């Protein structure tokens, strides 16, 4: 993940899917760990983005309920 631009949630999920599909038994332990570490970072980014969307939805729902 050498990119500096922030990925969308969908792009993050796609990147995570690619990582999962590239890790295999023939990969060296060092390479597998690097991919695993990259995947964990992507998972955190996805969770953070989902948390933001959830907060926004809560605000929208609360606003619409109180009208």
C-alpha atoms as a PDB file:
ATOM      1  CA  UNK A   1       0.000   0.000   0.000  1.00  0.00           C
ATOM      2  CA  UNK A   2       2.393   2.681  -1.150  1.00  0.00           C
ATOM      3  CA  UNK A   3      -0.467   4.954  -2.150  1.00  0.00           C
ATOM      4  CA  UNK A   4      -0.877   8.208  -0.231  1.00  0.00           C
ATOM      5  CA  UNK A   5      -4.441   8.922  -1.318  1.00  0.00           C
ATOM      6  CA  UNK A   6      -7.201   7.819   0.978  1.00  0.00           C
ATOM      7  CA  UNK A   7      -9.121   4.876  -0.424  1.00  0.00           C
ATOM      8  CA  UNK A   8     -12.877   4.636  -0.405  1.00  0.00           C
ATOM      9  CA  UNK A   9     -14.436   1.920   1.718  1.00  0.00           C
ATOM     10  CA  UNK A  10     -15.045  -0.152  -1.405  1.00  0.00           C
ATOM     11  CA  UNK A  11     -11.422   0.235  -2.528  1.00  0.00           C
ATOM     12  CA  UNK A  12     -10.249  -0.823   0.936  1.00  0.00           C
ATOM     13  CA  UNK A  13     -12.422  -3.936   0.822  1.00  0.00           C
ATOM     14  CA  UNK A  14     -11.103  -4.756  -2.665  1.00  0.00           C
ATOM     15  CA  UNK A  15      -7.498  -4.329  -1.510  1.00  0.00           C
ATOM     16  CA  UNK A  16      -8.180  -6.534   1.505  1.00  0.00           C
ATOM     17  CA  UNK A  17      -9.720  -9.183  -0.735  1.00  0.00           C
ATOM     18  CA  UNK A  18      -6.623  -9.128  -2.960  1.00  0.00           C
ATOM     19  CA  UNK A  19      -4.367  -9.586   0.065  1.00  0.00           C
ATOM     20  CA  UNK A  20      -6.412 -12.545   1.271  1.00  0.00           C
ATOM     21  CA  UNK A  21      -6.208 -14.138  -2.170  1.00  0.00           C
ATOM     22  CA  UNK A  22      -2.422 -13.672  -2.441  1.00  0.00           C
ATOM     23  CA  UNK A  23      -1.484 -15.305   0.860  1.00  0.00           C
ATOM     24  CA  UNK A  24      -0.824 -18.990   0.268  1.00  0.00           C
ATOM     25  CA  UNK A  25       1.235 -21.906   1.556  1.00  0.00           C
ATOM     26  CA  UNK A  26       4.049 -21.340  -0.935  1.00  0.00           C
ATOM     27  CA  UNK A  27       4.656 -17.772   0.288  1.00  0.00           C
ATOM     28  CA  UNK A  28       7.562 -17.212   2.658  1.00  0.00           C
ATOM     29  CA  UNK A  29       6.654 -16.567   6.274  1.00  0.00           C
ATOM     30  CA  UNK A  30       8.158 -13.084   6.055  1.00  0.00           C
ATOM     31  CA  UNK A  31       6.088 -12.184   2.982  1.00  0.00           C
ATOM     32  CA  UNK A  32       2.948 -13.684   4.523  1.00  0.00           C
ATOM     33  CA  UNK A  33       3.481 -11.631   7.677  1.00  0.00           C
ATOM     34  CA  UNK A  34       3.916  -8.432   5.634  1.00  0.00           C
ATOM     35  CA  UNK A  35       0.638  -9.155   3.812  1.00  0.00           C
ATOM     36  CA  UNK A  36      -1.056  -9.994   7.121  1.00  0.00           C
ATOM     37  CA  UNK A  37       0.157  -6.713   8.638  1.00  0.00           C
ATOM     38  CA  UNK A  38      -1.091  -4.813   5.588  1.00  0.00           C
ATOM     39  CA  UNK A  39      -4.452  -6.561   5.900  1.00  0.00           C
ATOM     40  CA  UNK A  40      -4.781  -5.688   9.587  1.00  0.00           C
ATOM     41  CA  UNK A  41      -4.139  -2.024   8.777  1.00  0.00           C
ATOM     42  CA  UNK A  42      -6.785  -2.147   6.041  1.00  0.00           C
ATOM     43  CA  UNK A  43      -9.266  -3.766   8.423  1.00  0.00           C
ATOM     44  CA  UNK A  44      -8.726  -0.944  10.916  1.00  0.00           C
ATOM     45  CA  UNK A  45      -9.262   1.645   8.177  1.00  0.00           C
ATOM     46  CA  UNK A  46     -12.483  -0.124   7.122  1.00  0.00           C
ATOM     47  CA  UNK A  47     -13.724  -0.254  10.705  1.00  0.00           C
ATOM     48  CA  UNK A  48     -12.940   3.433  11.222  1.00  0.00           C
ATOM     49  CA  UNK A  49     -14.815   4.361   8.033  1.00  0.00           C
ATOM     50  CA  UNK A  50     -17.790   2.210   8.994  1.00  0.00           C
ATOM     51  CA  UNK A  51     -17.863   3.859  12.425  1.00  0.00           C
ATOM     52  CA  UNK A  52     -17.995   7.286  10.760  1.00  0.00           C
ATOM     53  CA  UNK A  53     -20.872   6.197   8.491  1.00  0.00           C
ATOM     54  CA  UNK A  54     -22.717   4.751  11.483  1.00  0.00           C
ATOM     55  CA  UNK A  55     -22.386   8.041  13.396  1.00  0.00           C
ATOM     56  CA  UNK A  56     -23.618   9.990  10.370  1.00  0.00           C
ATOM     57  CA  UNK A  57     -26.624   7.658  10.011  1.00  0.00           C
ATOM     58  CA  UNK A  58     -27.434   8.051  13.694  1.00  0.00           C
ATOM     59  CA  UNK A  59     -27.387  11.839  13.325  1.00  0.00           C
ATOM     60  CA  UNK A  60     -29.610  11.700  10.227  1.00  0.00           C
ATOM     61  CA  UNK A  61     -32.055   9.317  11.919  1.00  0.00           C
ATOM     62  CA  UNK A  62     -32.167  11.422  15.086  1.00  0.00           C
ATOM     63  CA  UNK A  63     -32.706  14.579  13.053  1.00  0.00           C
ATOM     64  CA  UNK A  64     -35.539  13.018  11.056  1.00  0.00           C
ATOM     65  CA  UNK A  65     -37.151  11.492  14.146  1.00  0.00           C
ATOM     66  CA  UNK A  66     -37.200  14.806  15.987  1.00  0.00           C
ATOM     67  CA  UNK A  67     -38.928  16.717  13.194  1.00  0.00           C
END
